[in-house]
Amino acid sequence: MTNVWRAFFTMSAVLLGFLLLSVPFVEPGSSAFVISVASFVMLAIMFVASAAFIYFEWDPFEDLV
């Protein structure tokens, strides 16, 4: 299951990188800015959560197998 969390971690890191590269081209106050901020929040939560799951070696399906 750790491979799944690492995939989520990597994907969110790459998407956060792309989002940070687009910051200079987004006008504050526009609808694209609001979408960018909402995307940043969701990706940041996924990034931190997957990092925590990897660190604590959490496996949600451990009891089922």
C-alpha atoms as a PDB file:
ATOM      1  CA  MET A   1       0.000   0.000   0.000  1.00  0.00           C
ATOM      2  CA  THR A   2       2.967   2.288   0.507  1.00  0.00           C
ATOM      3  CA  ASN A   3       3.467   2.336  -3.270  1.00  0.00           C
ATOM      4  CA  VAL A   4      -0.003   3.844  -3.674  1.00  0.00           C
ATOM      5  CA  TRP A   5       0.759   6.579  -1.148  1.00  0.00           C
ATOM      6  CA  ARG A   6       4.090   7.268  -2.869  1.00  0.00           C
ATOM      7  CA  ALA A   7       2.289   7.575  -6.206  1.00  0.00           C
ATOM      8  CA  PHE A   8      -0.168  10.072  -4.679  1.00  0.00           C
ATOM      9  CA  PHE A   9       2.739  11.939  -3.090  1.00  0.00           C
ATOM     10  CA  THR A  10       4.646  12.128  -6.382  1.00  0.00           C
ATOM     11  CA  MET A  11       1.610  13.141  -8.424  1.00  0.00           C
ATOM     12  CA  SER A  12       0.619  15.873  -5.996  1.00  0.00           C
ATOM     13  CA  ALA A  13       4.215  17.158  -5.866  1.00  0.00           C
ATOM     14  CA  VAL A  14       4.382  17.361  -9.670  1.00  0.00           C
ATOM     15  CA  LEU A  15       0.981  19.058  -9.934  1.00  0.00           C
ATOM     16  CA  LEU A  16       1.921  21.517  -7.173  1.00  0.00           C
ATOM     17  CA  GLY A  17       5.090  22.306  -9.124  1.00  0.00           C
ATOM     18  CA  PHE A  18       3.101  23.005 -12.287  1.00  0.00           C
ATOM     19  CA  LEU A  19       0.658  25.117 -10.311  1.00  0.00           C
ATOM     20  CA  LEU A  20       3.477  27.148  -8.778  1.00  0.00           C
ATOM     21  CA  LEU A  21       4.953  27.726 -12.241  1.00  0.00           C
ATOM     22  CA  SER A  22       1.632  29.196 -13.386  1.00  0.00           C
ATOM     23  CA  VAL A  23       1.377  31.715 -10.510  1.00  0.00           C
ATOM     24  CA  PRO A  24       3.049  34.625 -12.386  1.00  0.00           C
ATOM     25  CA  PHE A  25       0.538  34.298 -15.221  1.00  0.00           C
ATOM     26  CA  VAL A  26      -2.660  34.343 -13.148  1.00  0.00           C
ATOM     27  CA  GLU A  27      -4.275  37.692 -12.390  1.00  0.00           C
ATOM     28  CA  PRO A  28      -5.300  38.160  -8.743  1.00  0.00           C
ATOM     29  CA  GLY A  29      -9.059  38.481  -8.359  1.00  0.00           C
ATOM     30  CA  SER A  30      -9.895  36.553 -11.519  1.00  0.00           C
ATOM     31  CA  SER A  31     -11.814  33.294 -11.653  1.00  0.00           C
ATOM     32  CA  ALA A  32      -8.595  31.494 -12.661  1.00  0.00           C
ATOM     33  CA  PHE A  33      -7.006  32.767  -9.449  1.00  0.00           C
ATOM     34  CA  VAL A  34      -9.825  31.339  -7.330  1.00  0.00           C
ATOM     35  CA  ILE A  35      -9.537  27.974  -9.085  1.00  0.00           C
ATOM     36  CA  SER A  36      -5.763  28.033  -8.616  1.00  0.00           C
ATOM     37  CA  VAL A  37      -6.078  28.693  -4.889  1.00  0.00           C
ATOM     38  CA  ALA A  38      -8.700  25.954  -4.478  1.00  0.00           C
ATOM     39  CA  SER A  39      -6.492  23.536  -6.437  1.00  0.00           C
ATOM     40  CA  PHE A  40      -3.489  24.490  -4.318  1.00  0.00           C
ATOM     41  CA  VAL A  41      -5.393  23.795  -1.101  1.00  0.00           C
ATOM     42  CA  MET A  42      -6.625  20.390  -2.285  1.00  0.00           C
ATOM     43  CA  LEU A  43      -3.198  19.373  -3.607  1.00  0.00           C
ATOM     44  CA  ALA A  44      -1.432  20.583  -0.475  1.00  0.00           C
ATOM     45  CA  ILE A  45      -3.795  18.529   1.706  1.00  0.00           C
ATOM     46  CA  MET A  46      -3.175  15.442  -0.435  1.00  0.00           C
ATOM     47  CA  PHE A  47       0.585  16.073  -0.348  1.00  0.00           C
ATOM     48  CA  VAL A  48       0.699  16.370   3.438  1.00  0.00           C
ATOM     49  CA  ALA A  49      -1.704  13.469   3.998  1.00  0.00           C
ATOM     50  CA  SER A  50       0.198  11.099   1.730  1.00  0.00           C
ATOM     51  CA  ALA A  51       3.478  12.133   3.374  1.00  0.00           C
ATOM     52  CA  ALA A  52       1.970  11.361   6.781  1.00  0.00           C
ATOM     53  CA  PHE A  53       0.611   8.010   5.567  1.00  0.00           C
ATOM     54  CA  ILE A  54       4.047   7.074   4.232  1.00  0.00           C
ATOM     55  CA  TYR A  55       5.779   8.208   7.423  1.00  0.00           C
ATOM     56  CA  PHE A  56       3.431   6.282   9.731  1.00  0.00           C
ATOM     57  CA  GLU A  57       3.226   3.316   7.305  1.00  0.00           C
ATOM     58  CA  TRP A  58      -0.575   3.364   7.417  1.00  0.00           C
ATOM     59  CA  ASP A  59      -2.363   0.603   5.527  1.00  0.00           C
ATOM     60  CA  PRO A  60      -6.159   1.015   5.590  1.00  0.00           C
ATOM     61  CA  PHE A  61      -6.750  -2.500   4.210  1.00  0.00           C
ATOM     62  CA  GLU A  62      -4.410  -4.291   6.611  1.00  0.00           C
ATOM     63  CA  ASP A  63      -7.247  -5.929   8.571  1.00  0.00           C
ATOM     64  CA  LEU A  64      -9.056  -7.092   5.430  1.00  0.00           C
ATOM     65  CA  VAL A  65      -6.211  -9.159   3.999  1.00  0.00           C
END
